Amino acid sequence: TISSDNAKNTLYLQMNSLKPEDTAVYYCNARVRVPYSGLVD
């Protein structure tokens, strides 16, 4: 489940029933629109 707390500027990922195939490096991503540059990650 993905969720957020705007007051804390925080994004969460709740992961339940984890499986071995979930093993990975997890990266948080933010995409914003910037004038002239378009979308920036």
Full PDB file with SEQRES, HELIX, SHEET, SSBOND, CRYST1, ORIGX, SCALE, CONECT and MASTER records, all heavy atoms in Angstrom:
SEQRES   1 A   41  THR ILE SER SER ASP ASN ALA LYS ASN THR LEU TYR LEU          
SEQRES   2 A   41  GLN MET ASN SER LEU LYS PRO GLU ASP THR ALA VAL TYR          
SEQRES   3 A   41  TYR CYS ASN ALA ARG VAL ARG VAL PRO TYR SER GLY LEU          
SEQRES   4 A   41  VAL ASP                                                      
HELIX    1 AA1 ASN A    6  LYS A    8  5                                   3    
HELIX    2 AA2 PRO A   20  ASP A   22  5                                   3    
SHEET    1 AA1 2 ILE A   2  ASP A   5  0                                        
SHEET    2 AA1 2 THR A  10  LEU A  13 -1                                        
SHEET    1 AA2 2 VAL A  32  VAL A  34  0                                        
SHEET    2 AA2 2 GLY A  38  VAL A  40 -1                                        
CRYST1    1.000    1.000    1.000  90.00  90.00  90.00 P 1           1          
ORIGX1      1.000000  0.000000  0.000000        0.00000                         
ORIGX2      0.000000  1.000000  0.000000        0.00000                         
ORIGX3      0.000000  0.000000  1.000000        0.00000                         
SCALE1      1.000000  0.000000  0.000000        0.00000                         
SCALE2      0.000000  1.000000  0.000000        0.00000                         
SCALE3      0.000000  0.000000  1.000000        0.00000                         
ATOM      1  N   THR A   1       0.834  -1.191   0.000  1.00  0.00           N  
ATOM      2  CA  THR A   1       0.000   0.000   0.000  1.00  0.00           C  
ATOM      3  C   THR A   1       0.872   1.245   0.000  1.00  0.00           C  
ATOM      4  O   THR A   1       1.756   1.386   0.854  1.00  0.00           O  
ATOM      5  CB  THR A   1      -0.933   0.040   1.220  1.00  0.00           C  
ATOM      6  OG1 THR A   1      -1.756  -1.126   1.242  1.00  0.00           O  
ATOM      7  CG2 THR A   1      -1.834   1.271   1.151  1.00  0.00           C  
ATOM      8  N   ILE A   2       0.634   2.146  -0.946  1.00  0.00           N  
ATOM      9  CA  ILE A   2       1.343   3.414  -0.980  1.00  0.00           C  
ATOM     10  C   ILE A   2       0.471   4.475  -0.320  1.00  0.00           C  
ATOM     11  O   ILE A   2      -0.740   4.521  -0.532  1.00  0.00           O  
ATOM     12  CB  ILE A   2       1.715   3.803  -2.428  1.00  0.00           C  
ATOM     13  CG1 ILE A   2       2.618   5.040  -2.440  1.00  0.00           C  
ATOM     14  CG2 ILE A   2       0.477   4.030  -3.280  1.00  0.00           C  
ATOM     15  CD1 ILE A   2       3.212   5.337  -3.820  1.00  0.00           C  
ATOM     16  N   SER A   3       1.077   5.316   0.498  1.00  0.00           N  
ATOM     17  CA  SER A   3       0.347   6.360   1.191  1.00  0.00           C  
ATOM     18  C   SER A   3       1.281   7.527   1.470  1.00  0.00           C  
ATOM     19  O   SER A   3       2.491   7.439   1.247  1.00  0.00           O  
ATOM     20  CB  SER A   3      -0.265   5.839   2.493  1.00  0.00           C  
ATOM     21  OG  SER A   3       0.738   5.414   3.394  1.00  0.00           O  
ATOM     22  N   SER A   4       0.725   8.624   1.966  1.00  0.00           N  
ATOM     23  CA  SER A   4       1.542   9.800   2.232  1.00  0.00           C  
ATOM     24  C   SER A   4       1.022  10.565   3.432  1.00  0.00           C  
ATOM     25  O   SER A   4      -0.142  10.446   3.818  1.00  0.00           O  
ATOM     26  CB  SER A   4       1.577  10.721   1.008  1.00  0.00           C  
ATOM     27  OG  SER A   4       0.276  11.193   0.690  1.00  0.00           O  
ATOM     28  N   ASP A   5       1.901  11.346   4.015  1.00  0.00           N  
ATOM     29  CA  ASP A   5       1.571  12.250   5.106  1.00  0.00           C  
ATOM     30  C   ASP A   5       2.097  13.611   4.688  1.00  0.00           C  
ATOM     31  O   ASP A   5       3.289  13.891   4.814  1.00  0.00           O  
ATOM     32  CB  ASP A   5       2.201  11.787   6.414  1.00  0.00           C  
ATOM     33  CG  ASP A   5       1.776  12.633   7.599  1.00  0.00           C  
ATOM     34  OD1 ASP A   5       1.368  13.792   7.411  1.00  0.00           O  
ATOM     35  OD2 ASP A   5       1.851  12.129   8.744  1.00  0.00           O  
ATOM     36  N   ASN A   6       1.220  14.456   4.181  1.00  0.00           N  
ATOM     37  CA  ASN A   6       1.643  15.749   3.658  1.00  0.00           C  
ATOM     38  C   ASN A   6       2.279  16.641   4.723  1.00  0.00           C  
ATOM     39  O   ASN A   6       3.214  17.388   4.431  1.00  0.00           O  
ATOM     40  CB  ASN A   6       0.458  16.481   3.026  1.00  0.00           C  
ATOM     41  CG  ASN A   6      -0.012  15.840   1.741  1.00  0.00           C  
ATOM     42  OD1 ASN A   6       0.628  14.929   1.206  1.00  0.00           O  
ATOM     43  ND2 ASN A   6      -1.141  16.313   1.228  1.00  0.00           N  
ATOM     44  N   ALA A   7       1.789  16.566   5.944  1.00  0.00           N  
ATOM     45  CA  ALA A   7       2.320  17.388   7.021  1.00  0.00           C  
ATOM     46  C   ALA A   7       3.775  17.054   7.310  1.00  0.00           C  
ATOM     47  O   ALA A   7       4.528  17.907   7.782  1.00  0.00           O  
ATOM     48  CB  ALA A   7       1.477  17.226   8.281  1.00  0.00           C  
ATOM     49  N   LYS A   8       4.174  15.831   7.051  1.00  0.00           N  
ATOM     50  CA  LYS A   8       5.542  15.391   7.298  1.00  0.00           C  
ATOM     51  C   LYS A   8       6.370  15.279   6.026  1.00  0.00           C  
ATOM     52  O   LYS A   8       7.518  14.830   6.078  1.00  0.00           O  
ATOM     53  CB  LYS A   8       5.541  14.047   8.020  1.00  0.00           C  
ATOM     54  CG  LYS A   8       4.893  14.080   9.397  1.00  0.00           C  
ATOM     55  CD  LYS A   8       4.953  12.724  10.060  1.00  0.00           C  
ATOM     56  CE  LYS A   8       4.343  12.768  11.456  1.00  0.00           C  
ATOM     57  NZ  LYS A   8       4.393  11.441  12.119  1.00  0.00           N  
ATOM     58  N   ASN A   9       5.795  15.666   4.901  1.00  0.00           N  
ATOM     59  CA  ASN A   9       6.476  15.569   3.603  1.00  0.00           C  
ATOM     60  C   ASN A   9       7.001  14.154   3.361  1.00  0.00           C  
ATOM     61  O   ASN A   9       8.113  13.966   2.859  1.00  0.00           O  
ATOM     62  CB  ASN A   9       7.631  16.563   3.503  1.00  0.00           C  
ATOM     63  CG  ASN A   9       7.174  18.001   3.428  1.00  0.00           C  
ATOM     64  OD1 ASN A   9       5.987  18.288   3.281  1.00  0.00           O  
ATOM     65  ND2 ASN A   9       8.118  18.922   3.524  1.00  0.00           N  
ATOM     66  N   THR A  10       6.193  13.177   3.699  1.00  0.00           N  
ATOM     67  CA  THR A  10       6.666  11.802   3.696  1.00  0.00           C  
ATOM     68  C   THR A  10       5.763  10.883   2.882  1.00  0.00           C  
ATOM     69  O   THR A  10       4.536  10.953   2.976  1.00  0.00           O  
ATOM     70  CB  THR A  10       6.776  11.265   5.131  1.00  0.00           C  
ATOM     71  OG1 THR A  10       7.661  12.104   5.883  1.00  0.00           O  
ATOM     72  CG2 THR A  10       7.324   9.849   5.139  1.00  0.00           C  
ATOM     73  N   LEU A  11       6.397  10.035   2.108  1.00  0.00           N  
ATOM     74  CA  LEU A  11       5.725   8.983   1.360  1.00  0.00           C  
ATOM     75  C   LEU A  11       6.050   7.646   2.016  1.00  0.00           C  
ATOM     76  O   LEU A  11       7.175   7.429   2.467  1.00  0.00           O  
ATOM     77  CB  LEU A  11       6.203   8.983  -0.091  1.00  0.00           C  
ATOM     78  CG  LEU A  11       5.549   7.986  -1.042  1.00  0.00           C  
ATOM     79  CD1 LEU A  11       4.142   8.444  -1.415  1.00  0.00           C  
ATOM     80  CD2 LEU A  11       6.406   7.813  -2.294  1.00  0.00           C  
ATOM     81  N   TYR A  12       5.072   6.755   2.046  1.00  0.00           N  
ATOM     82  CA  TYR A  12       5.257   5.453   2.667  1.00  0.00           C  
ATOM     83  C   TYR A  12       4.941   4.329   1.692  1.00  0.00           C  
ATOM     84  O   TYR A  12       4.145   4.481   0.759  1.00  0.00           O  
ATOM     85  CB  TYR A  12       4.346   5.288   3.883  1.00  0.00           C  
ATOM     86  CG  TYR A  12       4.531   6.318   4.959  1.00  0.00           C  
ATOM     87  CD1 TYR A  12       3.671   7.409   5.061  1.00  0.00           C  
ATOM     88  CD2 TYR A  12       5.566   6.203   5.882  1.00  0.00           C  
ATOM     89  CE1 TYR A  12       3.835   8.354   6.058  1.00  0.00           C  
ATOM     90  CE2 TYR A  12       5.735   7.145   6.879  1.00  0.00           C  
ATOM     91  CZ  TYR A  12       4.863   8.219   6.964  1.00  0.00           C  
ATOM     92  OH  TYR A  12       5.031   9.154   7.954  1.00  0.00           O  
ATOM     93  N   LEU A  13       5.561   3.202   1.938  1.00  0.00           N  
ATOM     94  CA  LEU A  13       5.196   1.970   1.266  1.00  0.00           C  
ATOM     95  C   LEU A  13       5.070   0.891   2.325  1.00  0.00           C  
ATOM     96  O   LEU A  13       6.070   0.448   2.889  1.00  0.00           O  
ATOM     97  CB  LEU A  13       6.227   1.560   0.214  1.00  0.00           C  
ATOM     98  CG  LEU A  13       5.868   0.299  -0.577  1.00  0.00           C  
ATOM     99  CD1 LEU A  13       4.656   0.558  -1.473  1.00  0.00           C  
ATOM    100  CD2 LEU A  13       7.050  -0.182  -1.413  1.00  0.00           C  
ATOM    101  N   GLN A  14       3.838   0.506   2.611  1.00  0.00           N  
ATOM    102  CA  GLN A  14       3.585  -0.582   3.541  1.00  0.00           C  
ATOM    103  C   GLN A  14       3.618  -1.889   2.772  1.00  0.00           C  
ATOM    104  O   GLN A  14       2.872  -2.070   1.813  1.00  0.00           O  
ATOM    105  CB  GLN A  14       2.223  -0.405   4.217  1.00  0.00           C  
ATOM    106  CG  GLN A  14       1.857  -1.514   5.191  1.00  0.00           C  
ATOM    107  CD  GLN A  14       2.755  -1.548   6.398  1.00  0.00           C  
ATOM    108  OE1 GLN A  14       3.008  -0.512   7.014  1.00  0.00           O  
ATOM    109  NE2 GLN A  14       3.258  -2.724   6.749  1.00  0.00           N  
ATOM    110  N   MET A  15       4.478  -2.793   3.195  1.00  0.00           N  
ATOM    111  CA  MET A  15       4.661  -4.054   2.508  1.00  0.00           C  
ATOM    112  C   MET A  15       4.282  -5.190   3.447  1.00  0.00           C  
ATOM    113  O   MET A  15       4.921  -5.389   4.476  1.00  0.00           O  
ATOM    114  CB  MET A  15       6.106  -4.214   2.033  1.00  0.00           C  
ATOM    115  CG  MET A  15       6.579  -3.091   1.127  1.00  0.00           C  
ATOM    116  SD  MET A  15       8.285  -3.327   0.558  1.00  0.00           S  
ATOM    117  CE  MET A  15       9.157  -3.072   2.109  1.00  0.00           C  
ATOM    118  N   ASN A  16       3.244  -5.915   3.089  1.00  0.00           N  
ATOM    119  CA  ASN A  16       2.771  -7.043   3.871  1.00  0.00           C  
ATOM    120  C   ASN A  16       2.912  -8.334   3.080  1.00  0.00           C  
ATOM    121  O   ASN A  16       3.056  -8.322   1.864  1.00  0.00           O  
ATOM    122  CB  ASN A  16       1.306  -6.844   4.270  1.00  0.00           C  
ATOM    123  CG  ASN A  16       1.082  -5.637   5.142  1.00  0.00           C  
ATOM    124  OD1 ASN A  16       1.917  -5.296   5.977  1.00  0.00           O  
ATOM    125  ND2 ASN A  16      -0.071  -4.985   4.972  1.00  0.00           N  
ATOM    126  N   SER A  17       2.847  -9.440   3.790  1.00  0.00           N  
ATOM    127  CA  SER A  17       2.944 -10.756   3.168  1.00  0.00           C  
ATOM    128  C   SER A  17       4.132 -10.840   2.220  1.00  0.00           C  
ATOM    129  O   SER A  17       4.023 -11.299   1.082  1.00  0.00           O  
ATOM    130  CB  SER A  17       1.644 -11.090   2.421  1.00  0.00           C  
ATOM    131  OG  SER A  17       0.535 -11.072   3.290  1.00  0.00           O  
ATOM    132  N   LEU A  18       5.270 -10.412   2.704  1.00  0.00           N  
ATOM    133  CA  LEU A  18       6.457 -10.343   1.864  1.00  0.00           C  
ATOM    134  C   LEU A  18       6.911 -11.723   1.410  1.00  0.00           C  
ATOM    135  O   LEU A  18       6.810 -12.709   2.146  1.00  0.00           O  
ATOM    136  CB  LEU A  18       7.582  -9.632   2.603  1.00  0.00           C  
ATOM    137  CG  LEU A  18       7.435  -8.112   2.663  1.00  0.00           C  
ATOM    138  CD1 LEU A  18       8.315  -7.527   3.751  1.00  0.00           C  
ATOM    139  CD2 LEU A  18       7.778  -7.500   1.309  1.00  0.00           C  
ATOM    140  N   LYS A  19       7.419 -11.762   0.192  1.00  0.00           N  
ATOM    141  CA  LYS A  19       7.905 -12.976  -0.425  1.00  0.00           C  
ATOM    142  C   LYS A  19       9.381 -12.821  -0.766  1.00  0.00           C  
ATOM    143  O   LYS A  19       9.859 -11.706  -0.949  1.00  0.00           O  
ATOM    144  CB  LYS A  19       7.122 -13.274  -1.710  1.00  0.00           C  
ATOM    145  CG  LYS A  19       5.619 -13.365  -1.535  1.00  0.00           C  
ATOM    146  CD  LYS A  19       4.926 -13.523  -2.880  1.00  0.00           C  
ATOM    147  CE  LYS A  19       3.423 -13.595  -2.729  1.00  0.00           C  
ATOM    148  NZ  LYS A  19       2.746 -13.723  -4.045  1.00  0.00           N  
ATOM    149  N   PRO A  20      10.113 -13.923  -0.883  1.00  0.00           N  
ATOM    150  CA  PRO A  20      11.524 -13.820  -1.259  1.00  0.00           C  
ATOM    151  C   PRO A  20      11.745 -13.057  -2.556  1.00  0.00           C  
ATOM    152  O   PRO A  20      12.753 -12.356  -2.688  1.00  0.00           O  
ATOM    153  CB  PRO A  20      11.953 -15.284  -1.393  1.00  0.00           C  
ATOM    154  CG  PRO A  20      11.074 -16.013  -0.441  1.00  0.00           C  
ATOM    155  CD  PRO A  20       9.739 -15.314  -0.535  1.00  0.00           C  
ATOM    156  N   GLU A  21      10.825 -13.153  -3.496  1.00  0.00           N  
ATOM    157  CA  GLU A  21      10.965 -12.444  -4.757  1.00  0.00           C  
ATOM    158  C   GLU A  21      10.797 -10.935  -4.617  1.00  0.00           C  
ATOM    159  O   GLU A  21      11.033 -10.194  -5.574  1.00  0.00           O  
ATOM    160  CB  GLU A  21       9.993 -12.984  -5.817  1.00  0.00           C  
ATOM    161  CG  GLU A  21       8.553 -13.072  -5.343  1.00  0.00           C  
ATOM    162  CD  GLU A  21       8.178 -14.464  -4.875  1.00  0.00           C  
ATOM    163  OE1 GLU A  21       8.975 -15.085  -4.148  1.00  0.00           O  
ATOM    164  OE2 GLU A  21       7.082 -14.936  -5.253  1.00  0.00           O  
ATOM    165  N   ASP A  22      10.380 -10.469  -3.440  1.00  0.00           N  
ATOM    166  CA  ASP A  22      10.315  -9.041  -3.173  1.00  0.00           C  
ATOM    167  C   ASP A  22      11.682  -8.472  -2.805  1.00  0.00           C  
ATOM    168  O   ASP A  22      11.823  -7.248  -2.687  1.00  0.00           O  
ATOM    169  CB  ASP A  22       9.332  -8.743  -2.041  1.00  0.00           C  
ATOM    170  CG  ASP A  22       7.895  -9.071  -2.406  1.00  0.00           C  
ATOM    171  OD1 ASP A  22       7.484  -8.786  -3.547  1.00  0.00           O  
ATOM    172  OD2 ASP A  22       7.179  -9.606  -1.538  1.00  0.00           O  
ATOM    173  N   THR A  23      12.657  -9.330  -2.609  1.00  0.00           N  
ATOM    174  CA  THR A  23      13.999  -8.886  -2.271  1.00  0.00           C  
ATOM    175  C   THR A  23      14.543  -7.980  -3.372  1.00  0.00           C  
ATOM    176  O   THR A  23      14.600  -8.367  -4.538  1.00  0.00           O  
ATOM    177  CB  THR A  23      14.934 -10.081  -2.063  1.00  0.00           C  
ATOM    178  OG1 THR A  23      14.503 -10.826  -0.922  1.00  0.00           O  
ATOM    179  CG2 THR A  23      16.361  -9.614  -1.831  1.00  0.00           C  
ATOM    180  N   ALA A  24      14.930  -6.772  -2.990  1.00  0.00           N  
ATOM    181  CA  ALA A  24      15.394  -5.788  -3.961  1.00  0.00           C  
ATOM    182  C   ALA A  24      15.841  -4.530  -3.233  1.00  0.00           C  
ATOM    183  O   ALA A  24      15.628  -4.380  -2.028  1.00  0.00           O  
ATOM    184  CB  ALA A  24      14.276  -5.439  -4.946  1.00  0.00           C  
ATOM    185  N   VAL A  25      16.460  -3.639  -3.987  1.00  0.00           N  
ATOM    186  CA  VAL A  25      16.691  -2.293  -3.501  1.00  0.00           C  
ATOM    187  C   VAL A  25      15.506  -1.453  -3.939  1.00  0.00           C  
ATOM    188  O   VAL A  25      15.177  -1.412  -5.128  1.00  0.00           O  
ATOM    189  CB  VAL A  25      18.003  -1.697  -4.046  1.00  0.00           C  
ATOM    190  CG1 VAL A  25      18.176  -0.264  -3.565  1.00  0.00           C  
ATOM    191  CG2 VAL A  25      19.191  -2.545  -3.611  1.00  0.00           C  
ATOM    192  N   TYR A  26      14.873  -0.804  -3.001  1.00  0.00           N  
ATOM    193  CA  TYR A  26      13.684  -0.011  -3.275  1.00  0.00           C  
ATOM    194  C   TYR A  26      14.040   1.465  -3.325  1.00  0.00           C  
ATOM    195  O   TYR A  26      14.711   1.990  -2.434  1.00  0.00           O  
ATOM    196  CB  TYR A  26      12.623  -0.249  -2.202  1.00  0.00           C  
ATOM    197  CG  TYR A  26      11.930  -1.580  -2.340  1.00  0.00           C  
ATOM    198  CD1 TYR A  26      12.600  -2.767  -2.055  1.00  0.00           C  
ATOM    199  CD2 TYR A  26      10.606  -1.661  -2.782  1.00  0.00           C  
ATOM    200  CE1 TYR A  26      11.978  -3.992  -2.207  1.00  0.00           C  
ATOM    201  CE2 TYR A  26       9.973  -2.880  -2.929  1.00  0.00           C  
ATOM    202  CZ  TYR A  26      10.663  -4.044  -2.641  1.00  0.00           C  
ATOM    203  OH  TYR A  26      10.031  -5.260  -2.788  1.00  0.00           O  
ATOM    204  N   TYR A  27      13.567   2.138  -4.374  1.00  0.00           N  
ATOM    205  CA  TYR A  27      13.872   3.542  -4.589  1.00  0.00           C  
ATOM    206  C   TYR A  27      12.613   4.391  -4.567  1.00  0.00           C  
ATOM    207  O   TYR A  27      11.630   4.086  -5.245  1.00  0.00           O  
ATOM    208  CB  TYR A  27      14.570   3.742  -5.935  1.00  0.00           C  
ATOM    209  CG  TYR A  27      15.909   3.066  -6.042  1.00  0.00           C  
ATOM    210  CD1 TYR A  27      16.029   1.793  -6.581  1.00  0.00           C  
ATOM    211  CD2 TYR A  27      17.063   3.710  -5.602  1.00  0.00           C  
ATOM    212  CE1 TYR A  27      17.255   1.170  -6.681  1.00  0.00           C  
ATOM    213  CE2 TYR A  27      18.296   3.099  -5.700  1.00  0.00           C  
ATOM    214  CZ  TYR A  27      18.389   1.828  -6.241  1.00  0.00           C  
ATOM    215  OH  TYR A  27      19.613   1.212  -6.342  1.00  0.00           O  
ATOM    216  N   CYS A  28      12.654   5.452  -3.807  1.00  0.00           N  
ATOM    217  CA  CYS A  28      11.596   6.444  -3.814  1.00  0.00           C  
ATOM    218  C   CYS A  28      11.793   7.372  -5.002  1.00  0.00           C  
ATOM    219  O   CYS A  28      12.922   7.741  -5.335  1.00  0.00           O  
ATOM    220  CB  CYS A  28      11.631   7.235  -2.499  1.00  0.00           C  
ATOM    221  SG  CYS A  28      10.417   8.560  -2.374  1.00  0.00           S  
ATOM    222  N   ASN A  29      10.701   7.758  -5.641  1.00  0.00           N  
ATOM    223  CA  ASN A  29      10.752   8.614  -6.820  1.00  0.00           C  
ATOM    224  C   ASN A  29       9.787   9.780  -6.685  1.00  0.00           C  
ATOM    225  O   ASN A  29       8.670   9.622  -6.189  1.00  0.00           O  
ATOM    226  CB  ASN A  29      10.405   7.803  -8.065  1.00  0.00           C  
ATOM    227  CG  ASN A  29      10.136   8.668  -9.284  1.00  0.00           C  
ATOM    228  OD1 ASN A  29       8.985   8.935  -9.620  1.00  0.00           O  
ATOM    229  ND2 ASN A  29      11.200   9.098  -9.943  1.00  0.00           N  
ATOM    230  N   ALA A  30      10.228  10.940  -7.127  1.00  0.00           N  
ATOM    231  CA  ALA A  30       9.372  12.115  -7.190  1.00  0.00           C  
ATOM    232  C   ALA A  30       9.485  12.729  -8.573  1.00  0.00           C  
ATOM    233  O   ALA A  30      10.592  12.935  -9.070  1.00  0.00           O  
ATOM    234  CB  ALA A  30       9.767  13.132  -6.128  1.00  0.00           C  
ATOM    235  N   ARG A  31       8.350  13.008  -9.183  1.00  0.00           N  
ATOM    236  CA  ARG A  31       8.321  13.599 -10.512  1.00  0.00           C  
ATOM    237  C   ARG A  31       7.612  14.945 -10.446  1.00  0.00           C  
ATOM    238  O   ARG A  31       6.464  15.031  -9.996  1.00  0.00           O  
ATOM    239  CB  ARG A  31       7.615  12.668 -11.497  1.00  0.00           C  
ATOM    240  CG  ARG A  31       7.454  13.233 -12.896  1.00  0.00           C  
ATOM    241  CD  ARG A  31       6.997  12.157 -13.865  1.00  0.00           C  
ATOM    242  NE  ARG A  31       8.065  11.205 -14.125  1.00  0.00           N  
ATOM    243  CZ  ARG A  31       7.958  10.170 -14.955  1.00  0.00           C  
ATOM    244  NH1 ARG A  31       6.806   9.953 -15.585  1.00  0.00           N  
ATOM    245  NH2 ARG A  31       8.976   9.356 -15.147  1.00  0.00           N  
ATOM    246  N   VAL A  32       8.312  15.987 -10.884  1.00  0.00           N  
ATOM    247  CA  VAL A  32       7.753  17.330 -10.866  1.00  0.00           C  
ATOM    248  C   VAL A  32       7.872  17.952 -12.247  1.00  0.00           C  
ATOM    249  O   VAL A  32       8.777  17.626 -13.022  1.00  0.00           O  
ATOM    250  CB  VAL A  32       8.439  18.236  -9.824  1.00  0.00           C  
ATOM    251  CG1 VAL A  32       8.237  17.685  -8.424  1.00  0.00           C  
ATOM    252  CG2 VAL A  32       9.924  18.377 -10.125  1.00  0.00           C  
ATOM    253  N   ARG A  33       6.946  18.862 -12.541  1.00  0.00           N  
ATOM    254  CA  ARG A  33       6.990  19.577 -13.799  1.00  0.00           C  
ATOM    255  C   ARG A  33       7.734  20.887 -13.592  1.00  0.00           C  
ATOM    256  O   ARG A  33       7.375  21.693 -12.729  1.00  0.00           O  
ATOM    257  CB  ARG A  33       5.583  19.835 -14.318  1.00  0.00           C  
ATOM    258  CG  ARG A  33       5.549  20.466 -15.702  1.00  0.00           C  
ATOM    259  CD  ARG A  33       4.127  20.607 -16.223  1.00  0.00           C  
ATOM    260  NE  ARG A  33       3.456  19.335 -16.350  1.00  0.00           N  
ATOM    261  CZ  ARG A  33       3.581  18.502 -17.379  1.00  0.00           C  
ATOM    262  NH1 ARG A  33       4.372  18.825 -18.395  1.00  0.00           N  
ATOM    263  NH2 ARG A  33       2.926  17.357 -17.404  1.00  0.00           N  
ATOM    264  N   VAL A  34       8.765  21.090 -14.386  1.00  0.00           N  
ATOM    265  CA  VAL A  34       9.602  22.278 -14.303  1.00  0.00           C  
ATOM    266  C   VAL A  34       9.491  23.042 -15.616  1.00  0.00           C  
ATOM    267  O   VAL A  34       9.593  22.444 -16.687  1.00  0.00           O  
ATOM    268  CB  VAL A  34      11.072  21.914 -14.032  1.00  0.00           C  
ATOM    269  CG1 VAL A  34      11.930  23.170 -13.970  1.00  0.00           C  
ATOM    270  CG2 VAL A  34      11.195  21.121 -12.744  1.00  0.00           C  
ATOM    271  N   PRO A  35       9.281  24.379 -15.537  1.00  0.00           N  
ATOM    272  CA  PRO A  35       9.190  25.163 -16.775  1.00  0.00           C  
ATOM    273  C   PRO A  35      10.382  24.936 -17.686  1.00  0.00           C  
ATOM    274  O   PRO A  35      11.536  24.928 -17.236  1.00  0.00           O  
ATOM    275  CB  PRO A  35       9.151  26.603 -16.259  1.00  0.00           C  
ATOM    276  CG  PRO A  35       8.526  26.501 -14.911  1.00  0.00           C  
ATOM    277  CD  PRO A  35       9.047  25.204 -14.348  1.00  0.00           C  
ATOM    278  N   TYR A  36      10.099  24.725 -18.960  1.00  0.00           N  
ATOM    279  CA  TYR A  36      11.085  24.515 -20.017  1.00  0.00           C  
ATOM    280  C   TYR A  36      11.747  23.132 -19.962  1.00  0.00           C  
ATOM    281  O   TYR A  36      12.133  22.593 -21.002  1.00  0.00           O  
ATOM    282  CB  TYR A  36      12.162  25.607 -20.010  1.00  0.00           C  
ATOM    283  CG  TYR A  36      11.610  26.995 -20.158  1.00  0.00           C  
ATOM    284  CD1 TYR A  36      11.520  27.851 -19.064  1.00  0.00           C  
ATOM    285  CD2 TYR A  36      11.170  27.444 -21.391  1.00  0.00           C  
ATOM    286  CE1 TYR A  36      10.994  29.121 -19.198  1.00  0.00           C  
ATOM    287  CE2 TYR A  36      10.640  28.717 -21.531  1.00  0.00           C  
ATOM    288  CZ  TYR A  36      10.554  29.544 -20.426  1.00  0.00           C  
ATOM    289  OH  TYR A  36      10.028  30.808 -20.570  1.00  0.00           O  
ATOM    290  N   SER A  37      11.891  22.576 -18.784  1.00  0.00           N  
ATOM    291  CA  SER A  37      12.547  21.280 -18.645  1.00  0.00           C  
ATOM    292  C   SER A  37      11.572  20.112 -18.710  1.00  0.00           C  
ATOM    293  O   SER A  37      11.991  18.971 -18.886  1.00  0.00           O  
ATOM    294  CB  SER A  37      13.332  21.223 -17.333  1.00  0.00           C  
ATOM    295  OG  SER A  37      14.359  22.194 -17.302  1.00  0.00           O  
ATOM    296  N   GLY A  38      10.313  20.388 -18.551  1.00  0.00           N  
ATOM    297  CA  GLY A  38       9.326  19.329 -18.548  1.00  0.00           C  
ATOM    298  C   GLY A  38       9.325  18.568 -17.229  1.00  0.00           C  
ATOM    299  O   GLY A  38       9.565  19.138 -16.169  1.00  0.00           O  
ATOM    300  N   LEU A  39       9.071  17.283 -17.305  1.00  0.00           N  
ATOM    301  CA  LEU A  39       9.036  16.453 -16.114  1.00  0.00           C  
ATOM    302  C   LEU A  39      10.441  16.055 -15.696  1.00  0.00           C  
ATOM    303  O   LEU A  39      11.242  15.611 -16.513  1.00  0.00           O  
ATOM    304  CB  LEU A  39       8.192  15.203 -16.363  1.00  0.00           C  
ATOM    305  CG  LEU A  39       6.712  15.447 -16.638  1.00  0.00           C  
ATOM    306  CD1 LEU A  39       6.030  14.144 -17.035  1.00  0.00           C  
ATOM    307  CD2 LEU A  39       6.036  16.046 -15.415  1.00  0.00           C  
ATOM    308  N   VAL A  40      10.721  16.213 -14.415  1.00  0.00           N  
ATOM    309  CA  VAL A  40      12.034  15.902 -13.864  1.00  0.00           C  
ATOM    310  C   VAL A  40      11.874  14.907 -12.722  1.00  0.00           C  
ATOM    311  O   VAL A  40      11.039  15.101 -11.841  1.00  0.00           O  
ATOM    312  CB  VAL A  40      12.749  17.164 -13.360  1.00  0.00           C  
ATOM    313  CG1 VAL A  40      14.085  16.801 -12.721  1.00  0.00           C  
ATOM    314  CG2 VAL A  40      12.963  18.141 -14.502  1.00  0.00           C  
ATOM    315  N   ASP A  41      12.674  13.859 -12.752  1.00  0.00           N  
ATOM    316  CA  ASP A  41      12.630  12.813 -11.730  1.00  0.00           C  
ATOM    317  C   ASP A  41      13.744  12.984 -10.713  1.00  0.00           C  
ATOM    318  O   ASP A  41      14.887  13.273 -11.063  1.00  0.00           O  
ATOM    319  CB  ASP A  41      12.755  11.433 -12.363  1.00  0.00           C  
ATOM    320  CG  ASP A  41      11.496  10.990 -13.065  1.00  0.00           C  
ATOM    321  OD1 ASP A  41      10.414  11.079 -12.451  1.00  0.00           O  
ATOM    322  OD2 ASP A  41      11.591  10.551 -14.227  1.00  0.00           O  
TER     323      ASP A  41                                                      
MASTER        0    0    0    2    4    0    0    6  322    1    0    4          
END                                                                             
